[in-house]
C-alpha atoms as a PDB file:
ATOM      1  CA  UNK A   1      86.684 119.631 100.763  1.00  0.00           C
ATOM      2  CA  UNK A   2      89.606 118.574  98.542  1.00  0.00           C
ATOM      3  CA  UNK A   3      89.181 115.578  96.278  1.00  0.00           C
ATOM      4  CA  UNK A   4      91.358 112.488  96.831  1.00  0.00           C
ATOM      5  CA  UNK A   5      94.421 112.428  94.583  1.00  0.00           C
ATOM      6  CA  UNK A   6      95.064 109.377  92.433  1.00  0.00           C
ATOM      7  CA  UNK A   7      97.916 108.515  90.101  1.00  0.00           C
ATOM      8  CA  UNK A   8      97.185 107.885  86.433  1.00  0.00           C
ATOM      9  CA  UNK A   9      97.588 104.139  87.052  1.00  0.00           C
ATOM     10  CA  UNK A  10      95.121 104.267  89.955  1.00  0.00           C
ATOM     11  CA  UNK A  11      92.641 106.224  87.848  1.00  0.00           C
ATOM     12  CA  UNK A  12      92.979 103.713  84.998  1.00  0.00           C
ATOM     13  CA  UNK A  13      92.126 100.897  87.418  1.00  0.00           C
ATOM     14  CA  UNK A  14      89.112 102.811  88.765  1.00  0.00           C
ATOM     15  CA  UNK A  15      87.956 103.579  85.211  1.00  0.00           C
ATOM     16  CA  UNK A  16      88.216  99.927  84.139  1.00  0.00           C
ATOM     17  CA  UNK A  17      86.266  98.788  87.201  1.00  0.00           C
ATOM     18  CA  UNK A  18      83.567 101.432  86.681  1.00  0.00           C
ATOM     19  CA  UNK A  19      83.314 100.599  82.964  1.00  0.00           C
ATOM     20  CA  UNK A  20      82.271  97.033  83.770  1.00  0.00           C
ATOM     21  CA  UNK A  21      78.663  98.291  83.791  1.00  0.00           C
ATOM     22  CA  UNK A  22      79.051  99.039  80.056  1.00  0.00           C
ATOM     23  CA  UNK A  23      80.251  95.519  79.290  1.00  0.00           C
ATOM     24  CA  UNK A  24      83.580  93.739  78.912  1.00  0.00           C
ATOM     25  CA  UNK A  25      86.592  95.879  78.095  1.00  0.00           C
ATOM     26  CA  UNK A  26      87.065  95.815  74.294  1.00  0.00           C
ATOM     27  CA  UNK A  27      90.175  94.317  72.803  1.00  0.00           C
ATOM     28  CA  UNK A  28      92.785  96.910  71.755  1.00  0.00           C
ATOM     29  CA  UNK A  29      91.137  99.753  73.692  1.00  0.00           C
ATOM     30  CA  UNK A  30      93.411 101.873  75.852  1.00  0.00           C
ATOM     31  CA  UNK A  31      93.032 104.982  77.977  1.00  0.00           C
ATOM     32  CA  UNK A  32      95.594 107.756  78.380  1.00  0.00           C
ATOM     33  CA  UNK A  33      95.069 110.106  81.321  1.00  0.00           C
ATOM     34  CA  UNK A  34      96.508 113.607  81.249  1.00  0.00           C
ATOM     35  CA  UNK A  35      96.303 116.767  83.307  1.00  0.00           C
ATOM     36  CA  UNK A  36      94.316 119.705  81.959  1.00  0.00           C
ATOM     37  CA  UNK A  37      93.943 122.967  83.877  1.00  0.00           C
ATOM     38  CA  UNK A  38      92.713 122.063  87.353  1.00  0.00           C
ATOM     39  CA  UNK A  39      91.458 118.613  86.401  1.00  0.00           C
ATOM     40  CA  UNK A  40      92.282 115.653  84.181  1.00  0.00           C
ATOM     41  CA  UNK A  41      90.994 114.231  80.921  1.00  0.00           C
ATOM     42  CA  UNK A  42      91.291 110.997  78.992  1.00  0.00           C
ATOM     43  CA  UNK A  43      92.052 110.000  75.444  1.00  0.00           C
ATOM     44  CA  UNK A  44      90.564 106.670  74.383  1.00  0.00           C
ATOM     45  CA  UNK A  45      92.298 104.727  71.652  1.00  0.00           C
ATOM     46  CA  UNK A  46      90.473 101.927  69.846  1.00  0.00           C
ATOM     47  CA  UNK A  47      90.571 100.268  66.445  1.00  0.00           C
ATOM     48  CA  UNK A  48      87.066  98.941  65.776  1.00  0.00           C
ATOM     49  CA  UNK A  49      84.259 101.422  65.002  1.00  0.00           C
ATOM     50  CA  UNK A  50      81.834  98.977  66.623  1.00  0.00           C
ATOM     51  CA  UNK A  51      83.484  99.913  69.947  1.00  0.00           C
ATOM     52  CA  UNK A  52      82.297 103.529  69.676  1.00  0.00           C
ATOM     53  CA  UNK A  53      79.226 103.045  71.932  1.00  0.00           C
ATOM     54  CA  UNK A  54      81.471 101.571  74.643  1.00  0.00           C
ATOM     55  CA  UNK A  55      83.892 104.491  74.218  1.00  0.00           C
ATOM     56  CA  UNK A  56      81.034 106.983  74.535  1.00  0.00           C
ATOM     57  CA  UNK A  57      79.863 105.360  77.777  1.00  0.00           C
ATOM     58  CA  UNK A  58      83.454 105.258  79.006  1.00  0.00           C
ATOM     59  CA  UNK A  59      83.810 109.003  78.408  1.00  0.00           C
ATOM     60  CA  UNK A  60      80.653 109.646  80.464  1.00  0.00           C
ATOM     61  CA  UNK A  61      82.079 107.561  83.288  1.00  0.00           C
ATOM     62  CA  UNK A  62      85.380 109.459  83.157  1.00  0.00           C
ATOM     63  CA  UNK A  63      83.639 112.844  83.272  1.00  0.00           C
ATOM     64  CA  UNK A  64      81.797 111.688  86.388  1.00  0.00           C
ATOM     65  CA  UNK A  65      84.968 110.374  88.030  1.00  0.00           C
ATOM     66  CA  UNK A  66      86.728 113.697  87.415  1.00  0.00           C
ATOM     67  CA  UNK A  67      84.292 115.241  89.913  1.00  0.00           C
ATOM     68  CA  UNK A  68      85.466 112.811  92.616  1.00  0.00           C
ATOM     69  CA  UNK A  69      89.236 112.468  92.016  1.00  0.00           C
ATOM     70  CA  UNK A  70      92.184 114.707  91.207  1.00  0.00           C
ATOM     71  CA  UNK A  71      95.206 113.532  89.253  1.00  0.00           C
ATOM     72  CA  UNK A  72      98.278 113.182  91.438  1.00  0.00           C
ATOM     73  CA  UNK A  73     101.067 114.327  89.146  1.00  0.00           C
ATOM     74  CA  UNK A  74     104.688 113.581  89.997  1.00  0.00           C
ATOM     75  CA  UNK A  75     106.616 116.682  91.026  1.00  0.00           C
END
């Protein structure tokens, strides 16, 4: 069964909502979603090393979401 396709903006919204279990979204943290092979990946940008545990949890969440959603790239 094919996975639902989501735009990068939709995936960012889903990621932010799912990350609420890890705590409030840190100031100055951003997520860039890009296509890679048959899936998608994220790059997390942040400025405070104290945010690393949140980033690590966020990466786990994103890996899990990649099993449920495909990136809908513009043609």
